[in-house]
């Protein structure tokens, strides 16, 4: 229901008497009071609209809808100047990959490795373009990944490991160190180092993610390696 201020009465430069409505305000045209000087008060009628009565959900000020501005904003949002860069998963032929695998919990890491190698083969990566490097555990992955990345022989480094929570805080130390080490390897070498280390609460969770009912995370990590290699080669290659 429309509501408005009945009028403006100047009693003093800082006081205004007005009539308040007894029902809730709505977004119908109202009168707004603007203070211009110490001796003049001006009442101006301004139209406000809500999504219910404007049709577009845009506040209207001064009773004028700026259609041109809205069109310009819409055109800007759809401008062809914005480019979206992404890696390709159509084929990885010609790319070289290194896979760093932790031997600890090999019952988990071996199926993860097999899933990764099968994925590389499916995307046309030749066996001679893949080097597999075994390390004692997930803690040692980072330093090896960084050395491989700095060699500039590979388009991406896939890091595979499995850390399962035990009775001590060893799990937290190893999982955090593995994650930070792989990240540092990427940043320091400039080559994508893919995090394919499982960190699970128990062995059942790990096996489920190494070819069980939750899929094979090694295969998924290989897809990430392919996409990142493509992204760097086609869009982010150093000059």
C-alpha atoms as a PDB file:
ATOM      1  CA  UNK A   1       0.000   0.000   0.000  1.00  0.00           C
ATOM      2  CA  UNK A   2       1.330   3.407  -0.916  1.00  0.00           C
ATOM      3  CA  UNK A   3       2.703   5.531   1.838  1.00  0.00           C
ATOM      4  CA  UNK A   4       4.080   9.040   1.722  1.00  0.00           C
ATOM      5  CA  UNK A   5       5.151  11.847   3.916  1.00  0.00           C
ATOM      6  CA  UNK A   6       2.226  14.236   4.052  1.00  0.00           C
ATOM      7  CA  UNK A   7       4.307  17.348   3.944  1.00  0.00           C
ATOM      8  CA  UNK A   8       7.293  19.231   5.112  1.00  0.00           C
ATOM      9  CA  UNK A   9       7.005  21.862   7.861  1.00  0.00           C
ATOM     10  CA  UNK A  10      10.006  23.958   8.698  1.00  0.00           C
ATOM     11  CA  UNK A  11      10.077  24.662  12.444  1.00  0.00           C
ATOM     12  CA  UNK A  12      13.836  25.155  12.665  1.00  0.00           C
ATOM     13  CA  UNK A  13      16.834  24.407  10.478  1.00  0.00           C
ATOM     14  CA  UNK A  14      17.226  21.021  12.152  1.00  0.00           C
ATOM     15  CA  UNK A  15      13.654  19.909  12.842  1.00  0.00           C
ATOM     16  CA  UNK A  16      10.966  18.655  10.493  1.00  0.00           C
ATOM     17  CA  UNK A  17       7.426  17.608  11.429  1.00  0.00           C
ATOM     18  CA  UNK A  18       5.945  14.856   9.295  1.00  0.00           C
ATOM     19  CA  UNK A  19       3.105  12.430   9.365  1.00  0.00           C
ATOM     20  CA  UNK A  20       3.999   8.758   9.669  1.00  0.00           C
ATOM     21  CA  UNK A  21       1.772   6.042   8.187  1.00  0.00           C
ATOM     22  CA  UNK A  22       0.033   3.549  10.442  1.00  0.00           C
ATOM     23  CA  UNK A  23       0.567   0.632   8.018  1.00  0.00           C
ATOM     24  CA  UNK A  24       3.806  -0.968   6.804  1.00  0.00           C
ATOM     25  CA  UNK A  25       5.651   0.858   4.063  1.00  0.00           C
ATOM     26  CA  UNK A  26       5.775  -0.570   0.561  1.00  0.00           C
ATOM     27  CA  UNK A  27       7.908   0.238  -2.448  1.00  0.00           C
ATOM     28  CA  UNK A  28       5.364   2.620  -3.947  1.00  0.00           C
ATOM     29  CA  UNK A  29       6.299   6.228  -4.824  1.00  0.00           C
ATOM     30  CA  UNK A  30       7.204   8.164  -1.701  1.00  0.00           C
ATOM     31  CA  UNK A  31       8.330  11.679  -0.888  1.00  0.00           C
ATOM     32  CA  UNK A  32      11.927  12.073   0.155  1.00  0.00           C
ATOM     33  CA  UNK A  33      13.147  15.055   2.157  1.00  0.00           C
ATOM     34  CA  UNK A  34      16.464  16.607   1.215  1.00  0.00           C
ATOM     35  CA  UNK A  35      18.163  19.250   3.358  1.00  0.00           C
ATOM     36  CA  UNK A  36      19.665  21.943   1.142  1.00  0.00           C
ATOM     37  CA  UNK A  37      20.584  24.810   3.461  1.00  0.00           C
ATOM     38  CA  UNK A  38      20.017  26.179   6.928  1.00  0.00           C
ATOM     39  CA  UNK A  39      16.859  27.981   5.802  1.00  0.00           C
ATOM     40  CA  UNK A  40      15.355  25.813   3.084  1.00  0.00           C
ATOM     41  CA  UNK A  41      13.948  22.333   3.027  1.00  0.00           C
ATOM     42  CA  UNK A  42      12.890  20.778  -0.236  1.00  0.00           C
ATOM     43  CA  UNK A  43      10.467  17.879  -0.678  1.00  0.00           C
ATOM     44  CA  UNK A  44      11.052  15.917  -3.855  1.00  0.00           C
ATOM     45  CA  UNK A  45       9.052  12.994  -5.138  1.00  0.00           C
ATOM     46  CA  UNK A  46      11.182   9.979  -6.029  1.00  0.00           C
ATOM     47  CA  UNK A  47       9.973   6.649  -7.315  1.00  0.00           C
ATOM     48  CA  UNK A  48      11.368   3.479  -5.801  1.00  0.00           C
ATOM     49  CA  UNK A  49      10.526   0.099  -7.194  1.00  0.00           C
ATOM     50  CA  UNK A  50      11.058  -3.453  -6.031  1.00  0.00           C
ATOM     51  CA  UNK A  51      11.478  -6.657  -8.059  1.00  0.00           C
ATOM     52  CA  UNK A  52       7.742  -7.204  -7.757  1.00  0.00           C
ATOM     53  CA  UNK A  53       6.746  -4.097  -9.678  1.00  0.00           C
ATOM     54  CA  UNK A  54       9.818  -3.205 -11.736  1.00  0.00           C
ATOM     55  CA  UNK A  55      10.014  -6.421 -13.686  1.00  0.00           C
ATOM     56  CA  UNK A  56      13.805  -6.674 -13.460  1.00  0.00           C
ATOM     57  CA  UNK A  57      14.629  -6.421  -9.793  1.00  0.00           C
ATOM     58  CA  UNK A  58      16.662  -3.215 -10.246  1.00  0.00           C
ATOM     59  CA  UNK A  59      16.091  -0.216  -7.929  1.00  0.00           C
ATOM     60  CA  UNK A  60      14.799   2.825  -9.761  1.00  0.00           C
ATOM     61  CA  UNK A  61      15.878   6.265  -8.613  1.00  0.00           C
ATOM     62  CA  UNK A  62      14.435   9.515  -9.864  1.00  0.00           C
ATOM     63  CA  UNK A  63      11.609   7.577 -11.504  1.00  0.00           C
ATOM     64  CA  UNK A  64      13.756   6.963 -14.615  1.00  0.00           C
ATOM     65  CA  UNK A  65      14.926   3.530 -15.694  1.00  0.00           C
ATOM     66  CA  UNK A  66      18.342   3.669 -17.353  1.00  0.00           C
ATOM     67  CA  UNK A  67      17.711   1.102 -20.069  1.00  0.00           C
ATOM     68  CA  UNK A  68      20.801   2.073 -22.071  1.00  0.00           C
ATOM     69  CA  UNK A  69      23.073   1.562 -19.089  1.00  0.00           C
ATOM     70  CA  UNK A  70      21.538  -1.834 -18.402  1.00  0.00           C
ATOM     71  CA  UNK A  71      22.065  -2.869 -22.022  1.00  0.00           C
ATOM     72  CA  UNK A  72      25.669  -1.676 -21.917  1.00  0.00           C
ATOM     73  CA  UNK A  73      26.306  -3.681 -18.772  1.00  0.00           C
ATOM     74  CA  UNK A  74      24.758  -6.765 -20.357  1.00  0.00           C
ATOM     75  CA  UNK A  75      26.904  -6.362 -23.448  1.00  0.00           C
ATOM     76  CA  UNK A  76      30.016  -5.954 -21.309  1.00  0.00           C
ATOM     77  CA  UNK A  77      29.298  -9.211 -19.501  1.00  0.00           C
ATOM     78  CA  UNK A  78      29.154 -11.023 -22.839  1.00  0.00           C
ATOM     79  CA  UNK A  79      32.064  -9.296 -24.545  1.00  0.00           C
ATOM     80  CA  UNK A  80      34.218 -11.434 -26.792  1.00  0.00           C
ATOM     81  CA  UNK A  81      37.339  -9.863 -25.286  1.00  0.00           C
ATOM     82  CA  UNK A  82      37.136 -12.269 -22.328  1.00  0.00           C
ATOM     83  CA  UNK A  83      39.162 -15.415 -23.058  1.00  0.00           C
ATOM     84  CA  UNK A  84      38.827 -18.709 -21.204  1.00  0.00           C
ATOM     85  CA  UNK A  85      42.020 -20.776 -21.200  1.00  0.00           C
ATOM     86  CA  UNK A  86      41.906 -24.475 -20.426  1.00  0.00           C
ATOM     87  CA  UNK A  87      43.903 -27.587 -21.081  1.00  0.00           C
ATOM     88  CA  UNK A  88      42.773 -30.225 -23.556  1.00  0.00           C
ATOM     89  CA  UNK A  89      41.903 -33.823 -22.751  1.00  0.00           C
ATOM     90  CA  UNK A  90      41.549 -34.961 -26.356  1.00  0.00           C
ATOM     91  CA  UNK A  91      45.079 -36.351 -26.734  1.00  0.00           C
ATOM     92  CA  UNK A  92      48.327 -36.218 -24.785  1.00  0.00           C
ATOM     93  CA  UNK A  93      50.544 -37.549 -27.556  1.00  0.00           C
ATOM     94  CA  UNK A  94      53.992 -35.964 -27.420  1.00  0.00           C
ATOM     95  CA  UNK A  95      53.876 -35.041 -23.734  1.00  0.00           C
ATOM     96  CA  UNK A  96      56.365 -36.516 -21.280  1.00  0.00           C
ATOM     97  CA  UNK A  97      55.389 -37.427 -17.734  1.00  0.00           C
ATOM     98  CA  UNK A  98      57.189 -38.564 -14.596  1.00  0.00           C
ATOM     99  CA  UNK A  99      55.357 -40.489 -11.900  1.00  0.00           C
ATOM    100  CA  UNK A 100      56.784 -40.427  -8.369  1.00  0.00           C
ATOM    101  CA  UNK A 101      55.354 -43.316  -6.341  1.00  0.00           C
ATOM    102  CA  UNK A 102      55.688 -44.028  -2.622  1.00  0.00           C
ATOM    103  CA  UNK A 103      56.534 -47.653  -1.814  1.00  0.00           C
ATOM    104  CA  UNK A 104      54.993 -47.445   1.659  1.00  0.00           C
ATOM    105  CA  UNK A 105      51.451 -48.865   1.553  1.00  0.00           C
ATOM    106  CA  UNK A 106      52.269 -50.383  -1.832  1.00  0.00           C
ATOM    107  CA  UNK A 107      49.080 -52.430  -1.643  1.00  0.00           C
ATOM    108  CA  UNK A 108      47.376 -49.084  -2.288  1.00  0.00           C
ATOM    109  CA  UNK A 109      49.927 -47.189  -4.360  1.00  0.00           C
ATOM    110  CA  UNK A 110      50.467 -50.002  -6.888  1.00  0.00           C
ATOM    111  CA  UNK A 111      46.804 -49.987  -8.045  1.00  0.00           C
ATOM    112  CA  UNK A 112      46.915 -46.181  -8.116  1.00  0.00           C
ATOM    113  CA  UNK A 113      49.961 -46.341 -10.381  1.00  0.00           C
ATOM    114  CA  UNK A 114      48.304 -48.899 -12.653  1.00  0.00           C
ATOM    115  CA  UNK A 115      45.240 -46.681 -12.965  1.00  0.00           C
ATOM    116  CA  UNK A 116      47.436 -43.730 -13.910  1.00  0.00           C
ATOM    117  CA  UNK A 117      49.396 -45.705 -16.523  1.00  0.00           C
ATOM    118  CA  UNK A 118      46.210 -47.039 -18.089  1.00  0.00           C
ATOM    119  CA  UNK A 119      44.867 -43.497 -18.359  1.00  0.00           C
ATOM    120  CA  UNK A 120      48.061 -42.227 -19.980  1.00  0.00           C
ATOM    121  CA  UNK A 121      47.876 -45.049 -22.511  1.00  0.00           C
ATOM    122  CA  UNK A 122      44.225 -44.286 -23.258  1.00  0.00           C
ATOM    123  CA  UNK A 123      45.195 -40.701 -24.073  1.00  0.00           C
ATOM    124  CA  UNK A 124      47.947 -41.738 -26.494  1.00  0.00           C
ATOM    125  CA  UNK A 125      50.951 -41.244 -24.221  1.00  0.00           C
ATOM    126  CA  UNK A 126      53.708 -43.648 -25.265  1.00  0.00           C
ATOM    127  CA  UNK A 127      55.425 -45.866 -22.696  1.00  0.00           C
ATOM    128  CA  UNK A 128      58.800 -44.345 -23.571  1.00  0.00           C
ATOM    129  CA  UNK A 129      57.427 -40.927 -22.597  1.00  0.00           C
ATOM    130  CA  UNK A 130      56.732 -42.036 -19.012  1.00  0.00           C
ATOM    131  CA  UNK A 131      59.314 -42.453 -16.249  1.00  0.00           C
ATOM    132  CA  UNK A 132      58.274 -44.027 -12.938  1.00  0.00           C
ATOM    133  CA  UNK A 133      60.388 -43.182  -9.894  1.00  0.00           C
ATOM    134  CA  UNK A 134      59.882 -45.098  -6.638  1.00  0.00           C
ATOM    135  CA  UNK A 135      60.598 -43.451  -3.272  1.00  0.00           C
ATOM    136  CA  UNK A 136      60.375 -44.910   0.253  1.00  0.00           C
ATOM    137  CA  UNK A 137      57.274 -42.998   1.362  1.00  0.00           C
ATOM    138  CA  UNK A 138      55.018 -40.022   0.751  1.00  0.00           C
ATOM    139  CA  UNK A 139      57.291 -37.745   2.779  1.00  0.00           C
ATOM    140  CA  UNK A 140      60.075 -38.173   0.195  1.00  0.00           C
ATOM    141  CA  UNK A 141      57.917 -37.399  -2.844  1.00  0.00           C
ATOM    142  CA  UNK A 142      58.343 -33.612  -2.786  1.00  0.00           C
ATOM    143  CA  UNK A 143      62.120 -33.375  -3.108  1.00  0.00           C
ATOM    144  CA  UNK A 144      62.214 -35.914  -5.949  1.00  0.00           C
ATOM    145  CA  UNK A 145      59.346 -34.215  -7.776  1.00  0.00           C
ATOM    146  CA  UNK A 146      61.155 -30.880  -7.576  1.00  0.00           C
ATOM    147  CA  UNK A 147      64.394 -32.348  -8.961  1.00  0.00           C
ATOM    148  CA  UNK A 148      62.486 -33.949 -11.848  1.00  0.00           C
ATOM    149  CA  UNK A 149      60.623 -30.723 -12.544  1.00  0.00           C
ATOM    150  CA  UNK A 150      63.806 -28.657 -12.640  1.00  0.00           C
ATOM    151  CA  UNK A 151      65.308 -31.052 -15.170  1.00  0.00           C
ATOM    152  CA  UNK A 152      62.797 -29.627 -17.703  1.00  0.00           C
ATOM    153  CA  UNK A 153      62.398 -33.086 -19.252  1.00  0.00           C
ATOM    154  CA  UNK A 154      58.748 -33.447 -18.292  1.00  0.00           C
ATOM    155  CA  UNK A 155      55.515 -31.622 -18.977  1.00  0.00           C
ATOM    156  CA  UNK A 156      54.002 -32.694 -15.643  1.00  0.00           C
ATOM    157  CA  UNK A 157      54.953 -34.738 -12.588  1.00  0.00           C
ATOM    158  CA  UNK A 158      52.360 -37.075 -11.063  1.00  0.00           C
ATOM    159  CA  UNK A 159      52.877 -37.784  -7.354  1.00  0.00           C
ATOM    160  CA  UNK A 160      51.273 -40.933  -5.918  1.00  0.00           C
ATOM    161  CA  UNK A 161      51.209 -42.030  -2.282  1.00  0.00           C
ATOM    162  CA  UNK A 162      48.956 -43.295   0.478  1.00  0.00           C
ATOM    163  CA  UNK A 163      48.933 -42.080   4.069  1.00  0.00           C
ATOM    164  CA  UNK A 164      46.585 -43.935   6.428  1.00  0.00           C
ATOM    165  CA  UNK A 165      45.820 -42.634   9.916  1.00  0.00           C
ATOM    166  CA  UNK A 166      47.243 -44.691  12.772  1.00  0.00           C
ATOM    167  CA  UNK A 167      47.359 -44.378  16.540  1.00  0.00           C
ATOM    168  CA  UNK A 168      49.850 -41.508  16.629  1.00  0.00           C
ATOM    169  CA  UNK A 169      50.220 -38.046  15.125  1.00  0.00           C
ATOM    170  CA  UNK A 170      52.631 -39.409  12.506  1.00  0.00           C
ATOM    171  CA  UNK A 171      49.763 -39.318  10.000  1.00  0.00           C
ATOM    172  CA  UNK A 172      49.330 -35.549  10.363  1.00  0.00           C
ATOM    173  CA  UNK A 173      53.032 -34.849   9.974  1.00  0.00           C
ATOM    174  CA  UNK A 174      53.430 -36.993   6.851  1.00  0.00           C
ATOM    175  CA  UNK A 175      50.230 -35.926   5.078  1.00  0.00           C
ATOM    176  CA  UNK A 176      50.872 -32.221   5.672  1.00  0.00           C
ATOM    177  CA  UNK A 177      54.521 -32.512   4.649  1.00  0.00           C
ATOM    178  CA  UNK A 178      53.617 -34.423   1.485  1.00  0.00           C
ATOM    179  CA  UNK A 179      51.088 -31.793   0.449  1.00  0.00           C
ATOM    180  CA  UNK A 180      53.386 -28.837   1.121  1.00  0.00           C
ATOM    181  CA  UNK A 181      56.347 -30.596  -0.483  1.00  0.00           C
ATOM    182  CA  UNK A 182      54.467 -31.280  -3.719  1.00  0.00           C
ATOM    183  CA  UNK A 183      53.185 -27.708  -3.816  1.00  0.00           C
ATOM    184  CA  UNK A 184      56.706 -26.364  -3.297  1.00  0.00           C
ATOM    185  CA  UNK A 185      57.974 -28.619  -6.077  1.00  0.00           C
ATOM    186  CA  UNK A 186      55.460 -27.074  -8.475  1.00  0.00           C
ATOM    187  CA  UNK A 187      56.229 -23.505  -7.470  1.00  0.00           C
ATOM    188  CA  UNK A 188      60.004 -23.911  -7.445  1.00  0.00           C
ATOM    189  CA  UNK A 189      60.283 -25.830 -10.712  1.00  0.00           C
ATOM    190  CA  UNK A 190      57.512 -24.168 -12.705  1.00  0.00           C
ATOM    191  CA  UNK A 191      56.267 -27.604 -13.773  1.00  0.00           C
ATOM    192  CA  UNK A 192      52.821 -28.867 -12.671  1.00  0.00           C
ATOM    193  CA  UNK A 193      53.248 -31.426  -9.873  1.00  0.00           C
ATOM    194  CA  UNK A 194      49.975 -33.237  -9.357  1.00  0.00           C
ATOM    195  CA  UNK A 195      48.835 -34.259  -5.870  1.00  0.00           C
ATOM    196  CA  UNK A 196      47.799 -37.909  -6.074  1.00  0.00           C
ATOM    197  CA  UNK A 197      48.439 -38.817  -2.445  1.00  0.00           C
ATOM    198  CA  UNK A 198      45.567 -40.466  -0.614  1.00  0.00           C
ATOM    199  CA  UNK A 199      45.071 -39.359   2.998  1.00  0.00           C
ATOM    200  CA  UNK A 200      42.491 -41.638   4.588  1.00  0.00           C
ATOM    201  CA  UNK A 201      41.204 -42.553   8.014  1.00  0.00           C
ATOM    202  CA  UNK A 202      41.607 -46.304   7.467  1.00  0.00           C
ATOM    203  CA  UNK A 203      42.763 -48.894   4.949  1.00  0.00           C
ATOM    204  CA  UNK A 204      39.228 -49.584   3.692  1.00  0.00           C
ATOM    205  CA  UNK A 205      38.883 -45.970   2.556  1.00  0.00           C
ATOM    206  CA  UNK A 206      42.235 -46.203   0.797  1.00  0.00           C
ATOM    207  CA  UNK A 207      41.387 -49.420  -1.056  1.00  0.00           C
ATOM    208  CA  UNK A 208      38.012 -48.046  -2.099  1.00  0.00           C
ATOM    209  CA  UNK A 209      39.850 -45.174  -3.807  1.00  0.00           C
ATOM    210  CA  UNK A 210      42.472 -47.401  -5.425  1.00  0.00           C
ATOM    211  CA  UNK A 211      40.140 -49.137  -7.846  1.00  0.00           C
ATOM    212  CA  UNK A 212      37.311 -49.971  -5.447  1.00  0.00           C
ATOM    213  CA  UNK A 213      33.785 -48.606  -5.243  1.00  0.00           C
ATOM    214  CA  UNK A 214      35.031 -45.005  -5.100  1.00  0.00           C
ATOM    215  CA  UNK A 215      36.988 -45.321  -8.334  1.00  0.00           C
ATOM    216  CA  UNK A 216      40.702 -45.009  -8.931  1.00  0.00           C
ATOM    217  CA  UNK A 217      42.218 -41.732  -7.799  1.00  0.00           C
ATOM    218  CA  UNK A 218      45.426 -42.532  -9.652  1.00  0.00           C
ATOM    219  CA  UNK A 219      43.514 -42.464 -12.924  1.00  0.00           C
ATOM    220  CA  UNK A 220      41.886 -39.168 -11.944  1.00  0.00           C
ATOM    221  CA  UNK A 221      45.255 -37.662 -11.053  1.00  0.00           C
ATOM    222  CA  UNK A 222      46.624 -38.719 -14.450  1.00  0.00           C
ATOM    223  CA  UNK A 223      43.803 -36.804 -16.140  1.00  0.00           C
ATOM    224  CA  UNK A 224      44.776 -33.757 -14.101  1.00  0.00           C
ATOM    225  CA  UNK A 225      48.384 -34.164 -15.228  1.00  0.00           C
ATOM    226  CA  UNK A 226      47.324 -34.339 -18.881  1.00  0.00           C
ATOM    227  CA  UNK A 227      45.119 -31.260 -18.612  1.00  0.00           C
ATOM    228  CA  UNK A 228      47.778 -29.221 -16.828  1.00  0.00           C
ATOM    229  CA  UNK A 229      50.463 -30.265 -19.315  1.00  0.00           C
ATOM    230  CA  UNK A 230      48.211 -29.146 -22.154  1.00  0.00           C
ATOM    231  CA  UNK A 231      47.377 -25.858 -20.424  1.00  0.00           C
ATOM    232  CA  UNK A 232      51.040 -24.999 -19.902  1.00  0.00           C
ATOM    233  CA  UNK A 233      52.071 -26.076 -23.397  1.00  0.00           C
ATOM    234  CA  UNK A 234      49.379 -24.216 -25.305  1.00  0.00           C
ATOM    235  CA  UNK A 235      48.637 -21.189 -23.110  1.00  0.00           C
ATOM    236  CA  UNK A 236      51.228 -20.698 -20.353  1.00  0.00           C
ATOM    237  CA  UNK A 237      54.455 -21.692 -22.033  1.00  0.00           C
ATOM    238  CA  UNK A 238      57.496 -19.644 -21.024  1.00  0.00           C
ATOM    239  CA  UNK A 239      58.893 -17.468 -23.793  1.00  0.00           C
END
